[in-house]
Protein backbone atom coordinates (compact mmCIF):
# COMPACT_ATOMS: atom_id res chain seq x y z
CA MET A 1 -5.96 -19.92 4.53
CA LYS A 2 -8.76 -18.69 1.92
CA GLU A 3 -7.63 -15.09 2.16
CA LEU A 4 -4.11 -16.31 1.07
CA GLN A 5 -5.49 -17.77 -2.20
CA HIS A 6 -5.32 -14.42 -3.67
CA LEU A 7 -1.68 -14.92 -4.02
CA ASN A 8 -2.04 -18.08 -6.14
CA LYS A 9 -1.89 -15.95 -9.38
CA TYR A 10 1.43 -14.78 -8.41
CA PHE A 11 2.63 -18.34 -7.33
CA ARG A 12 1.65 -19.31 -11.16
CA LYS A 13 3.46 -16.33 -12.52
CA TYR A 14 6.69 -17.18 -10.84
CA ARG A 15 6.18 -20.93 -10.62
CA PHE A 16 9.52 -21.73 -12.73
CA LYS A 17 11.54 -19.89 -10.27
CA LEU A 18 9.42 -21.45 -7.35
CA LEU A 19 9.83 -24.98 -8.77
CA VAL A 20 13.52 -24.54 -8.93
CA GLY A 21 13.79 -23.13 -5.51
CA ILE A 22 12.01 -26.26 -4.01
CA ILE A 23 14.21 -28.65 -6.02
CA ILE A 24 17.38 -26.90 -4.90
CA THR A 25 15.78 -26.92 -1.26
CA MET A 26 15.33 -30.59 -1.44
CA VAL A 27 18.89 -31.23 -2.84
CA ALA A 28 20.22 -29.13 -0.13
CA ARG A 29 18.38 -31.21 2.48
CA ILE A 30 19.46 -34.44 0.93
CA PHE A 31 23.13 -33.39 1.43
CA GLN A 32 22.59 -32.58 4.99
CA LEU A 33 21.39 -36.22 5.40
CA VAL A 34 24.67 -37.63 4.59
CA MET A 35 26.54 -36.54 7.69
CA PRO A 36 24.81 -38.61 10.35
CA SER A 37 25.42 -41.96 8.41
CA TYR A 38 29.04 -41.22 8.07
CA VAL A 39 29.42 -40.22 11.71
CA LYS A 40 28.04 -43.73 12.53
CA LYS A 41 30.42 -45.24 10.11
CA SER A 42 33.18 -43.27 11.77
CA ILE A 43 32.34 -44.65 15.14
CA GLU A 44 32.22 -48.09 13.79
CA VAL A 45 35.65 -47.59 12.48
CA VAL A 46 36.93 -46.47 16.01
CA GLU A 47 34.99 -49.41 17.44
CA GLY A 48 36.57 -51.81 14.76
CA TYR A 49 40.00 -50.67 15.84
CA ILE A 50 39.39 -50.82 19.41
CA GLY A 51 38.32 -54.40 18.96
CA ASN A 52 41.45 -55.10 16.84
CA ASN A 53 39.10 -55.90 13.79
CA ILE A 54 40.65 -53.04 11.77
CA LEU A 55 44.28 -51.96 11.34
CA LYS A 56 45.57 -48.48 12.61
CA SER A 57 46.54 -47.24 9.14
CA GLU A 58 43.20 -48.55 7.63
CA ALA A 59 41.44 -46.93 10.23
CA LYS A 60 43.04 -43.55 9.66
CA GLU A 61 42.53 -43.79 5.95
CA MET A 62 38.69 -44.54 6.45
CA LEU A 63 38.29 -41.67 8.86
CA LEU A 64 39.99 -39.38 6.46
CA GLU A 65 37.65 -40.43 3.88
CA TYR A 66 34.49 -40.36 6.00
CA ILE A 67 35.64 -36.68 7.19
CA LEU A 68 36.25 -35.57 3.69
CA ILE A 69 32.81 -36.88 2.75
CA ILE A 70 31.04 -35.05 5.57
CA VAL A 71 32.86 -31.88 5.03
CA GLY A 72 32.09 -32.08 1.14
CA ALA A 73 28.24 -32.95 1.83
CA ALA A 74 28.24 -29.95 4.33
CA LEU A 75 29.72 -27.64 1.72
CA LEU A 76 27.41 -28.65 -1.19
CA SER A 77 24.42 -28.27 1.45
CA GLY A 78 25.75 -24.89 2.03
CA PHE A 79 25.96 -23.89 -1.63
CA PHE A 80 22.57 -25.24 -2.42
CA THR A 81 21.28 -23.37 0.60
CA PHE A 82 22.52 -20.19 -0.73
CA LEU A 83 21.00 -20.97 -4.32
CA MET A 84 17.86 -21.75 -2.27
CA ARG A 85 17.47 -18.39 -0.74
CA GLN A 86 18.50 -16.59 -4.09
CA THR A 87 15.54 -18.24 -5.80
CA ILE A 88 12.64 -18.59 -3.12
CA ILE A 89 13.37 -15.26 -1.20
CA ASN A 90 13.65 -13.20 -4.56
CA VAL A 91 10.16 -14.72 -5.47
CA SER A 92 8.83 -13.31 -2.22
CA ARG A 93 10.30 -9.83 -3.05
CA TYR A 94 8.90 -10.08 -6.79
CA ILE A 95 5.44 -10.96 -5.05
CA GLU A 96 5.63 -8.03 -2.87
CA TYR A 97 6.50 -5.66 -5.74
CA ASP A 98 3.58 -6.91 -7.67
CA LEU A 99 0.93 -6.80 -4.67
CA LYS A 100 2.07 -3.41 -3.88
CA ASN A 101 1.49 -2.08 -7.49
CA GLU A 102 -1.99 -4.00 -7.48
CA VAL A 103 -2.94 -2.28 -4.21
CA PHE A 104 -1.78 1.14 -5.40
CA ASP A 105 -3.49 0.76 -8.62
CA HIS A 106 -6.83 -0.22 -7.15
CA TYR A 107 -6.58 2.66 -4.74
CA GLN A 108 -6.46 4.84 -7.64
CA LEU A 109 -9.55 3.51 -9.14
CA LEU A 110 -11.57 3.80 -6.01
CA SER A 111 -13.99 6.86 -5.89
CA LEU A 112 -13.93 9.86 -3.50
CA ASN A 113 -16.62 8.25 -1.06
CA PHE A 114 -13.82 5.70 -0.34
CA TYR A 115 -11.22 8.21 0.69
CA LYS A 116 -13.77 10.01 2.98
CA LYS A 117 -14.59 6.89 4.83
CA ASN A 118 -10.88 5.56 5.13
CA ARG A 119 -8.10 7.30 6.86
CA THR A 120 -4.79 7.78 5.00
CA GLY A 121 -2.84 6.14 7.60
CA ASP A 122 -4.87 2.92 7.38
CA LEU A 123 -4.36 3.13 3.67
CA MET A 124 -0.51 3.49 4.07
CA ASN A 125 -0.33 0.71 6.61
CA ARG A 126 -2.02 -1.82 4.49
CA ILE A 127 0.02 -1.41 1.45
CA SER A 128 3.33 -1.21 3.49
CA GLU A 129 3.26 -3.21 6.92
CA ASP A 130 0.49 -5.63 5.87
CA VAL A 131 2.00 -6.31 2.38
CA ASN A 132 5.50 -7.06 4.26
CA GLN A 133 3.55 -9.60 6.30
CA VAL A 134 2.46 -11.40 3.26
CA ARG A 135 5.75 -11.37 1.96
CA LEU A 136 7.09 -13.36 4.86
CA TYR A 137 4.60 -15.86 3.54
CA GLY A 138 5.44 -15.90 -0.04
CA GLY A 139 9.17 -16.58 0.82
CA PRO A 140 10.74 -17.61 4.12
CA ALA A 141 7.35 -19.30 5.18
CA ILE A 142 7.55 -21.48 1.87
CA MET A 143 11.33 -21.92 2.08
CA TYR A 144 11.47 -23.43 5.55
CA GLY A 145 8.27 -25.24 5.20
CA ILE A 146 9.78 -27.02 2.18
CA GLN A 147 12.93 -27.71 4.23
CA THR A 148 10.99 -29.18 7.05
CA LEU A 149 8.97 -31.34 4.64
CA THR A 150 11.85 -32.55 2.99
CA LEU A 151 13.72 -33.67 6.14
CA PHE A 152 10.51 -35.31 7.46
CA VAL A 153 9.95 -37.20 4.34
CA CYS A 154 13.51 -38.47 3.94
CA LEU A 155 14.41 -38.70 7.69
CA VAL A 156 11.33 -40.56 9.17
CA PRO A 157 11.46 -43.38 6.97
CA LEU A 158 15.26 -43.82 7.25
CA MET A 159 15.14 -43.86 10.80
CA PHE A 160 12.51 -46.51 10.87
CA ILE A 161 14.49 -48.46 8.62
CA LYS A 162 17.55 -48.50 10.61
CA ALA A 163 16.01 -48.78 14.17
CA PRO A 164 11.98 -48.88 14.21
CA VAL A 165 11.88 -49.10 17.86
CA LEU A 166 14.41 -46.33 18.55
CA ALA A 167 12.82 -44.23 15.89
CA LEU A 168 9.37 -44.73 17.35
CA TYR A 169 10.55 -43.38 20.61
CA ALA A 170 12.51 -40.61 19.22
CA LEU A 171 9.55 -39.34 17.45
CA LEU A 172 6.92 -39.85 20.10
CA PRO A 173 6.90 -36.27 21.17
CA LEU A 174 5.95 -34.82 17.66
CA PRO A 175 2.26 -35.66 17.55
CA ILE A 176 1.83 -33.89 20.96
CA LEU A 177 3.75 -30.76 19.36
CA SER A 178 1.30 -30.63 16.35
CA VAL A 179 -1.61 -30.49 18.66
CA LEU A 180 -0.01 -27.77 20.64
CA ILE A 181 0.80 -25.68 17.48
CA TYR A 182 -2.68 -26.04 16.00
CA GLN A 183 -3.99 -24.50 19.39
CA ILE A 184 -1.58 -21.90 19.66
CA SER A 185 -2.08 -20.72 15.84
CA LYS A 186 -5.52 -20.04 16.42
CA ILE A 187 -4.73 -17.61 19.27
CA ILE A 188 -1.96 -16.07 17.21
CA HIS A 189 -4.31 -15.56 14.20
CA LYS A 190 -6.77 -13.67 16.53
CA ARG A 191 -4.18 -11.53 18.25
CA SER A 192 -2.23 -10.77 15.06
CA THR A 193 -5.36 -9.23 13.55
CA ILE A 194 -5.56 -7.04 16.60
CA VAL A 195 -2.01 -5.84 16.36
CA GLN A 196 -2.11 -5.02 12.78
CA GLU A 197 -5.51 -3.25 13.01
CA PHE A 198 -3.81 -1.29 15.75
CA LEU A 199 -0.67 -0.20 13.51
CA SER A 200 -3.13 1.18 11.28
CA THR A 201 -4.53 3.30 14.00
CA LEU A 202 -0.96 4.21 15.03
CA SER A 203 -0.11 5.23 11.43
CA THR A 204 -3.22 7.26 11.12
CA PHE A 205 -2.66 9.24 14.24
CA THR A 206 1.13 10.08 13.50
CA GLN A 207 0.30 10.88 9.87
CA GLU A 208 -2.40 13.45 10.68
CA SER A 209 -0.20 14.68 13.63
CA PHE A 210 2.84 15.32 11.17
CA SER A 211 0.54 17.00 8.48
CA GLY A 212 -1.21 19.24 11.01
CA ILE A 213 2.28 19.97 12.91
CA SER A 214 1.62 23.70 12.20
CA VAL A 215 -1.55 23.65 14.14
CA ILE A 216 -0.30 21.83 16.93
CA LYS A 217 2.51 24.27 17.50
CA ALA A 218 -0.06 27.18 16.95
CA TYR A 219 -2.06 26.02 19.74
CA ALA A 220 0.76 24.60 21.92
CA LEU A 221 -0.89 21.35 21.81
CA GLU A 222 2.28 19.36 21.92
CA PRO A 223 1.87 17.95 25.42
CA LYS A 224 -1.67 16.90 24.96
CA VAL A 225 -0.60 15.15 21.46
CA ASN A 226 2.26 13.43 23.40
CA ALA A 227 0.03 12.38 26.08
CA GLU A 228 -2.27 10.84 23.28
CA LEU A 229 0.45 9.02 21.68
CA ASN A 230 1.79 7.80 24.98
CA ASN A 231 -1.64 6.01 25.55
CA LEU A 232 -1.50 4.67 22.01
CA ALA A 233 1.76 3.44 22.56
CA LEU A 234 0.69 1.74 25.91
CA ASP A 235 -2.38 0.16 23.95
CA GLY A 236 -0.18 -0.98 21.60
CA LYS A 237 2.32 -2.58 23.87
CA SER A 238 -0.31 -4.45 25.66
CA LYS A 239 -1.58 -5.84 22.33
CA SER A 240 1.78 -6.82 21.16
CA MET A 241 2.75 -8.31 24.43
CA ASP A 242 -0.46 -10.55 24.35
CA LEU A 243 0.96 -11.83 20.88
CA ALA A 244 4.44 -12.15 22.11
CA LYS A 245 3.33 -14.24 25.01
CA VAL A 246 1.84 -16.78 22.97
CA ASN A 247 4.65 -16.72 20.38
CA ALA A 248 7.10 -17.22 23.48
CA TRP A 249 5.35 -20.73 23.91
CA PHE A 250 6.76 -22.05 20.61
CA PHE A 251 10.57 -22.17 20.83
CA PRO A 252 10.68 -23.30 24.82
CA LEU A 253 8.03 -26.30 24.06
CA MET A 254 10.01 -27.33 20.96
CA ILE A 255 13.17 -27.39 22.78
CA LEU A 256 11.50 -29.46 25.72
CA LEU A 257 10.07 -31.86 23.14
CA ILE A 258 13.35 -32.40 21.21
CA GLY A 259 15.12 -32.59 24.64
CA ILE A 260 12.74 -35.53 25.75
CA SER A 261 13.36 -37.10 22.13
CA ASN A 262 17.38 -36.95 22.69
CA ILE A 263 16.72 -38.55 26.38
CA PHE A 264 14.66 -41.25 24.83
CA VAL A 265 17.06 -41.91 22.20
CA ILE A 266 20.17 -42.08 24.71
CA TYR A 267 18.16 -44.32 27.26
CA ILE A 268 16.47 -46.70 24.75
CA GLY A 269 19.26 -46.91 22.41
CA GLY A 270 21.55 -47.52 25.30
CA LYS A 271 19.53 -50.32 26.58
CA GLN A 272 19.11 -51.75 23.23
CA TYR A 273 22.92 -51.79 22.91
CA ILE A 274 23.21 -53.45 26.21
CA ASP A 275 20.89 -56.00 25.27
CA GLY A 276 22.69 -56.63 21.99
CA GLU A 277 19.44 -55.60 19.89
CA ILE A 278 21.58 -53.03 17.87
CA ALA A 279 25.13 -53.81 16.94
CA SER A 280 26.89 -50.55 17.08
CA ILE A 281 26.73 -47.65 19.56
CA GLY A 282 27.21 -45.47 16.26
CA ILE A 283 23.62 -45.98 15.66
CA ILE A 284 22.73 -43.85 19.01
CA ALA A 285 25.11 -41.19 17.83
CA GLU A 286 23.31 -41.20 14.14
CA PHE A 287 20.01 -40.89 15.79
CA ILE A 288 21.17 -37.96 18.15
CA LEU A 289 22.09 -36.27 15.00
CA TYR A 290 18.77 -36.98 13.29
CA VAL A 291 17.03 -35.89 16.34
CA ASN A 292 18.95 -32.56 16.57
CA MET A 293 18.70 -32.17 12.69
CA LEU A 294 14.95 -31.98 13.25
CA THR A 295 15.10 -29.50 16.07
CA TRP A 296 15.31 -26.48 13.83
CA PRO A 297 12.77 -27.86 11.22
CA VAL A 298 10.26 -28.69 14.26
CA ALA A 299 10.95 -25.22 15.90
CA VAL A 300 10.56 -23.59 12.23
CA VAL A 301 7.17 -25.40 12.29
CA GLY A 302 5.99 -22.83 14.97
CA TRP A 303 7.62 -19.91 13.31
CA VAL A 304 6.19 -20.68 9.90
CA THR A 305 2.53 -21.42 11.52
CA SER A 306 2.99 -17.67 12.96
CA ILE A 307 4.01 -16.16 9.86
CA VAL A 308 1.23 -17.79 7.81
CA GLN A 309 -1.36 -16.67 10.68
CA ARG A 310 0.00 -13.12 10.52
CA ALA A 311 0.07 -13.24 6.64
CA GLU A 312 -3.66 -14.40 6.61
CA ALA A 313 -4.54 -11.45 9.05
CA SER A 314 -2.96 -9.15 6.81
CA GLN A 315 -4.12 -10.40 3.44
CA LYS A 316 -7.54 -10.21 4.89
CA ARG A 317 -7.39 -6.64 5.50
CA ILE A 318 -5.63 -6.15 1.88
CA ASN A 319 -8.58 -8.02 0.52
CA GLN A 320 -11.03 -5.95 2.27
CA PHE A 321 -9.96 -2.95 0.06
CA LEU A 322 -9.30 -4.90 -3.18
CA GLN A 323 -12.78 -6.13 -3.09
CA GLU A 324 -14.15 -2.66 -2.77
CA GLU A 325 -15.76 -1.67 -6.21
CA PRO A 326 -15.34 1.63 -7.50
CA ASN A 327 -18.60 3.83 -7.70
CA ILE A 328 -17.34 5.55 -10.79
CA VAL A 329 -16.46 3.19 -13.87
CA SER A 330 -15.92 3.84 -17.68
CA THR A 331 -18.64 2.14 -19.41
CA VAL A 332 -17.03 2.79 -22.79
CA LYS A 333 -13.57 1.45 -23.78
CA GLU A 334 -12.99 3.55 -27.07
CA GLU A 335 -11.92 7.08 -26.73
CA THR A 336 -14.60 9.66 -26.95
CA PRO A 337 -13.12 13.18 -28.16
CA ILE A 338 -14.36 16.27 -25.97
CA LYS A 339 -15.36 19.59 -27.66
CA GLY A 340 -16.57 21.47 -24.61
CA LYS A 341 -20.34 22.03 -24.55
CA ILE A 342 -21.89 21.11 -21.04
CA GLU A 343 -25.32 20.78 -20.03
CA PHE A 344 -27.21 20.01 -16.76
CA LYS A 345 -30.57 18.65 -17.04
CA ASN A 346 -32.92 18.91 -13.65
CA VAL A 347 -29.48 17.56 -11.70
CA THR A 348 -30.04 16.47 -8.06
CA PHE A 349 -27.11 15.15 -5.94
CA THR A 350 -26.73 14.26 -2.33
CA TYR A 351 -23.41 13.41 -0.46
CA GLU A 352 -23.53 9.81 0.57
CA ASP A 353 -21.40 10.17 3.42
CA THR A 354 -23.48 13.33 4.93
CA ASN A 355 -26.84 12.88 3.16
CA ILE A 356 -26.67 16.63 2.22
CA THR A 357 -28.38 17.29 -0.93
CA ALA A 358 -25.93 19.84 -2.51
CA LEU A 359 -27.66 20.28 -5.70
CA ASN A 360 -31.58 20.32 -6.08
CA ASN A 361 -32.87 20.30 -9.75
CA ILE A 362 -30.38 22.32 -11.45
CA SER A 363 -30.51 23.13 -15.03
CA PHE A 364 -28.22 25.46 -17.23
CA THR A 365 -26.13 25.12 -20.43
CA VAL A 366 -22.52 26.06 -21.10
CA ASN A 367 -21.77 26.21 -24.85
CA LYS A 368 -18.41 25.31 -26.24
CA GLY A 369 -16.03 28.28 -25.73
CA GLN A 370 -18.19 30.02 -23.19
CA THR A 371 -16.85 31.11 -19.84
CA VAL A 372 -19.20 31.00 -16.97
CA ALA A 373 -18.93 32.25 -13.59
CA ILE A 374 -20.63 30.53 -10.50
CA LEU A 375 -21.34 32.47 -7.47
CA GLY A 376 -23.22 31.81 -4.13
CA LYS A 377 -22.66 31.49 -0.32
CA THR A 378 -20.49 28.81 1.21
CA GLY A 379 -22.18 25.39 0.95
CA SER A 380 -24.58 26.50 -1.84
CA GLY A 381 -23.15 23.67 -4.11
CA LYS A 382 -20.54 25.59 -6.35
CA SER A 383 -17.56 23.32 -6.14
CA THR A 384 -20.08 20.16 -6.35
CA ILE A 385 -20.90 21.50 -10.17
CA LEU A 386 -17.18 21.25 -10.87
CA ASP A 387 -16.88 17.80 -9.15
CA LEU A 388 -19.74 16.41 -11.42
CA ILE A 389 -18.41 17.72 -14.41
CA ALA A 390 -15.36 15.88 -13.95
CA ARG A 391 -17.41 12.86 -12.86
CA LEU A 392 -15.96 12.33 -9.58
CA TYR A 393 -19.41 11.64 -8.36
CA ASP A 394 -22.43 10.40 -10.32
CA ILE A 395 -25.66 12.13 -9.70
CA ASP A 396 -28.84 10.85 -8.15
CA SER A 397 -31.35 12.18 -10.77
CA GLY A 398 -31.31 14.11 -13.70
CA GLU A 399 -28.78 14.24 -16.63
CA ILE A 400 -25.40 15.68 -17.16
CA LEU A 401 -24.54 16.07 -20.99
CA ILE A 402 -21.00 16.59 -22.67
CA ASP A 403 -21.38 17.70 -26.34
CA ASP A 404 -25.03 16.48 -26.21
CA VAL A 405 -23.92 12.97 -25.01
CA PRO A 406 -24.74 11.76 -21.46
CA ILE A 407 -21.61 11.76 -19.09
CA LYS A 408 -21.97 8.20 -18.71
CA GLU A 409 -21.75 7.38 -22.06
CA LEU A 410 -18.29 8.83 -22.45
CA ASN A 411 -14.88 7.22 -22.00
CA LEU A 412 -13.62 8.41 -18.41
CA GLN A 413 -10.01 8.77 -19.25
CA SER A 414 -10.99 10.94 -22.21
CA LEU A 415 -13.27 13.04 -20.24
CA ARG A 416 -10.73 13.62 -17.51
CA GLN A 417 -7.90 14.30 -19.97
CA SER A 418 -9.89 17.17 -21.63
CA ILE A 419 -10.18 19.02 -18.27
CA GLY A 420 -7.65 21.18 -16.65
CA ALA A 421 -8.78 21.59 -12.95
CA VAL A 422 -7.43 23.85 -10.20
CA PRO A 423 -9.34 23.04 -6.78
CA GLN A 424 -9.89 25.46 -4.20
CA ASP A 425 -7.23 23.86 -1.80
CA ALA A 426 -4.26 23.65 -4.32
CA PHE A 427 -2.48 20.24 -3.66
CA LEU A 428 1.31 20.34 -4.79
CA PHE A 429 3.52 17.28 -4.40
CA SER A 430 6.94 17.11 -2.56
CA ASP A 431 8.67 17.63 -5.81
CA THR A 432 10.57 20.39 -7.67
CA ILE A 433 8.32 23.47 -8.82
CA LYS A 434 8.92 22.49 -12.44
CA ASN A 435 7.69 18.84 -11.98
CA ASN A 436 4.76 20.29 -10.14
CA ILE A 437 3.90 22.33 -13.24
CA LYS A 438 4.78 19.28 -15.52
CA PHE A 439 2.15 17.28 -13.96
CA GLY A 440 -0.13 18.71 -16.33
CA LYS A 441 1.90 17.68 -19.22
CA GLU A 442 4.76 15.43 -18.77
CA ASN A 443 6.39 15.90 -22.06
CA SER A 444 6.68 19.77 -21.91
CA THR A 445 9.62 21.92 -22.40
CA ASP A 446 11.13 24.24 -20.10
CA GLU A 447 10.13 27.04 -22.36
CA GLU A 448 6.55 25.93 -22.01
CA ILE A 449 6.61 25.52 -18.29
CA ILE A 450 8.24 29.25 -18.14
CA ALA A 451 5.60 30.65 -20.24
CA VAL A 452 2.71 29.21 -18.31
CA ALA A 453 4.19 30.40 -14.97
CA LYS A 454 4.40 34.01 -16.44
CA LYS A 455 0.62 33.67 -17.38
CA ALA A 456 -0.02 32.49 -14.01
CA VAL A 457 2.15 35.51 -12.43
CA VAL A 458 4.24 33.22 -10.31
CA HIS A 459 7.41 33.38 -12.76
CA GLU A 460 8.89 36.27 -10.58
CA ASN A 461 8.40 34.48 -7.50
CA ILE A 462 9.87 31.34 -8.51
CA MET A 463 12.92 33.12 -9.97
CA GLY A 464 13.39 34.47 -6.48
CA PHE A 465 14.22 31.25 -5.18
CA ASN A 466 17.73 30.04 -4.84
CA LYS A 467 17.22 27.02 -7.08
CA GLN A 468 14.41 28.55 -9.05
CA TYR A 469 12.20 25.88 -10.86
CA GLU A 470 14.37 23.25 -9.35
CA THR A 471 13.31 24.26 -5.50
CA VAL A 472 12.01 21.23 -3.99
CA LEU A 473 8.75 21.64 -2.25
CA GLY A 474 7.83 20.54 1.25
CA GLU A 475 4.92 18.16 1.93
CA ARG A 476 1.61 19.44 0.19
CA GLY A 477 3.87 22.45 -0.91
CA ILE A 478 4.33 23.97 2.26
CA THR A 479 7.16 25.73 1.09
CA LEU A 480 5.22 28.37 -0.86
CA SER A 481 2.48 30.81 0.32
CA GLY A 482 -1.26 30.05 -0.28
CA GLY A 483 -1.17 32.64 -3.25
CA GLN A 484 1.96 31.06 -4.73
CA LYS A 485 0.38 27.32 -4.44
CA GLN A 486 -2.70 28.56 -6.38
CA ARG A 487 -0.83 30.17 -9.07
CA VAL A 488 1.60 27.21 -9.72
CA SER A 489 -1.82 24.93 -9.82
CA ILE A 490 -3.19 27.54 -12.33
CA ALA A 491 0.09 27.08 -14.43
CA ARG A 492 -0.48 23.45 -14.33
CA ALA A 493 -3.63 23.60 -15.87
CA LEU A 494 -2.70 26.22 -18.35
CA LEU A 495 0.03 23.81 -19.29
CA LYS A 496 -2.32 20.90 -19.95
CA ASP A 497 -4.14 23.08 -22.67
CA PRO A 498 -7.50 21.09 -22.19
CA GLN A 499 -10.94 21.75 -23.87
CA ILE A 500 -12.45 22.58 -20.31
CA TYR A 501 -11.10 24.59 -17.57
CA LEU A 502 -12.43 24.27 -14.13
CA PHE A 503 -11.35 26.97 -11.56
CA ASP A 504 -12.72 26.51 -7.88
CA ASP A 505 -12.20 29.84 -6.18
CA CYS A 506 -8.47 29.56 -7.08
CA LEU A 507 -7.56 33.32 -6.68
CA SER A 508 -8.99 33.60 -3.36
CA ALA A 509 -5.33 33.83 -1.62
CA VAL A 510 -4.00 36.52 -4.07
CA ASP A 511 -4.41 40.22 -3.73
CA THR A 512 -6.97 42.08 -6.21
CA GLU A 513 -4.02 43.45 -8.41
CA THR A 514 -2.66 40.19 -8.98
CA GLU A 515 -6.01 38.57 -9.42
CA GLU A 516 -6.86 41.11 -12.24
CA GLU A 517 -3.54 40.26 -14.04
CA ILE A 518 -4.21 36.42 -13.94
CA LEU A 519 -7.79 36.95 -15.05
CA ASN A 520 -6.61 38.99 -18.07
CA GLN A 521 -4.24 35.98 -19.02
CA LEU A 522 -7.01 33.39 -18.25
CA LYS A 523 -9.15 35.26 -20.75
CA LYS A 524 -6.62 35.21 -23.54
CA GLU A 525 -5.88 31.41 -22.94
CA SER A 526 -9.38 30.38 -22.44
CA LYS A 527 -10.51 31.66 -25.62
CA ASN A 528 -12.19 28.94 -27.43
CA LYS A 529 -12.04 26.97 -24.19
CA THR A 530 -14.96 26.00 -22.18
CA THR A 531 -14.46 27.74 -18.86
CA LEU A 532 -16.05 27.47 -15.55
CA ILE A 533 -15.08 29.69 -12.63
CA VAL A 534 -16.21 29.22 -9.20
CA SER A 535 -15.68 32.61 -7.02
CA HIS A 536 -16.78 34.46 -4.04
CA ARG A 537 -15.64 37.88 -5.88
CA VAL A 538 -17.53 39.50 -8.36
CA SER A 539 -14.26 40.86 -9.94
CA SER A 540 -13.93 37.29 -10.91
CA ALA A 541 -17.07 36.86 -12.40
CA LYS A 542 -18.10 40.29 -14.10
CA ASN A 543 -16.45 39.72 -17.38
CA ALA A 544 -17.59 35.91 -17.82
CA ASP A 545 -20.24 35.40 -20.66
CA LYS A 546 -22.97 34.12 -18.24
CA ILE A 547 -23.24 34.24 -14.46
CA ILE A 548 -24.77 31.38 -12.49
CA VAL A 549 -25.91 32.32 -8.69
CA LEU A 550 -26.79 29.20 -6.42
CA GLU A 551 -28.16 29.27 -2.92
CA ASN A 552 -28.73 26.14 -0.91
CA GLY A 553 -28.22 24.01 -4.07
CA LYS A 554 -30.59 25.71 -5.87
CA LEU A 555 -30.11 28.14 -9.03
CA ILE A 556 -31.73 31.30 -8.07
CA GLN A 557 -30.13 33.69 -10.82
CA GLU A 558 -28.62 33.26 -14.18
CA GLY A 559 -27.31 35.85 -16.77
CA THR A 560 -24.72 38.61 -17.63
CA HIS A 561 -23.01 40.90 -15.32
CA GLU A 562 -25.16 43.73 -16.90
CA GLU A 563 -28.25 41.81 -16.67
CA LEU A 564 -27.91 40.63 -13.01
CA ASN A 565 -26.78 44.00 -11.89
CA SER A 566 -29.83 45.55 -13.21
CA VAL A 567 -32.41 43.65 -10.99
CA GLU A 568 -32.72 43.24 -7.28
CA GLY A 569 -31.06 40.00 -5.98
CA TYR A 570 -28.13 38.36 -4.56
CA TYR A 571 -25.63 39.18 -7.26
CA LYS A 572 -26.40 42.99 -6.99
CA GLU A 573 -26.18 43.07 -3.53
CA LEU A 574 -22.77 41.30 -3.35
CA TYR A 575 -21.33 43.59 -6.27
CA MET A 576 -22.47 46.69 -4.31
CA HIS A 577 -21.02 45.35 -1.04
CA GLN A 578 -17.72 44.37 -2.67
CA LEU A 579 -17.57 47.55 -4.53
CA SER A 580 -18.01 49.84 -1.21
CA GLU A 581 -15.48 47.67 0.65
CA LYS A 582 -12.80 48.45 -2.55
CA GLU A 583 -13.65 52.11 -2.28
CA LYS A 584 -12.96 52.06 1.28
């Protein structure tokens, strides 16, 4: 259970509630123990009446008293059982809440490389299904475990005090049961891990299928996807059945062994009564009740064992991600204000997952308030420069300076808060348009939101929707067109009003007329702000203070529009090509 030691901090956090719950559990079980002894006394009263040792009126009075005690003890046991569930089960929900937050917070700290290596479905399964399995350990397993332990601690000595020989025979099957549970538990642990890993695979498949449903429909791949899901389902059924077959042994074995205990009690107890070794037949009835009281706790031993094994397997999977260390960490605790100067000195960067060198010995400077355009062919390293400025990755060699300070010596939160980024693939959340824009500044007013939407030339589109700014977008903003998504993302960045703007080919899905209007607005807004614009269009770059041209990760040209257009090279060739296309 070493993996489950991770939960000890939560048990310490809720120790008072747990302690109260454990005490209540013990009290509930102790009240439950009252019934068998008073059943025995009731039978002895009947025996006394039959043997003419007790008067009829006295027997009735005593029977009524014992029945009231039995009913009262049952009611009190039920009441404390209710309180037990309200404490211990609630603690398991608190632990589930805390653990999900811990996992989610850690997910957010992890670097982009982690998300490239792991699938979304697997991440979701670990924070949902695996955490739920752990919750069962933190609540029901503890609750029933304490119940069972309390009954055994109280009941077994009591049975030996009342009838040692009978108790020995009644409890004889239990050691056999313990050995069987131990052997079966090892198999359950192994098969539970396989089932949990399969659930991650299934979650990944369904998540990707739903996200890419438009592609599936466009290529008429529904039968193929259905066939793949069917194969996955059959595989999952096979794995789950392997686990279910092992679990299925628990209850039959327990019922069998409890049945054997009952036979021993009836046979040995009857023999002892006939031989005069026990005074009353009531002791046999009492022991049958004791044995049957042990039926559920003994059965629960198997169930609890199964829960613990599943929880161990799930917590191990959770711990694998919790033990992942983020590659990008802030080495400075105090805030570091950002003004906007950016300098790359002989920067080289290689992507870890593909081993592709995206930048090779790049050097350039962007002064505070300057607008710099970055052009180049696909795969030349344009987007990588923006990712490195936001410190989404750390470089292999060279140095990146922000305001003449090495980027690693800046507070990471301060750096990213000073940046307004619009990625190439605009990402919008399944929320209202207003809230998607407010993502850049949570405390913004409706007037501010409308103002930036107008600057991003998307206000008129939004007003055309039935619910306007309250329109709820589909997943990943599927409700909007590509150009509308890009403009909403631009509005989000403008609302943040940062020191540094990073625009990554964010106008690729808009027409040239709208592009010109947005660029004019951006020029006004980015005045005195450092701005980097990645683009494939010269029209987005020609008014920049400086243009950088990349090829295969190397800087091949640098200068203004006029300077680069006056010499032969990639920029002039691109400009002439796009100019001729426009004239057509």
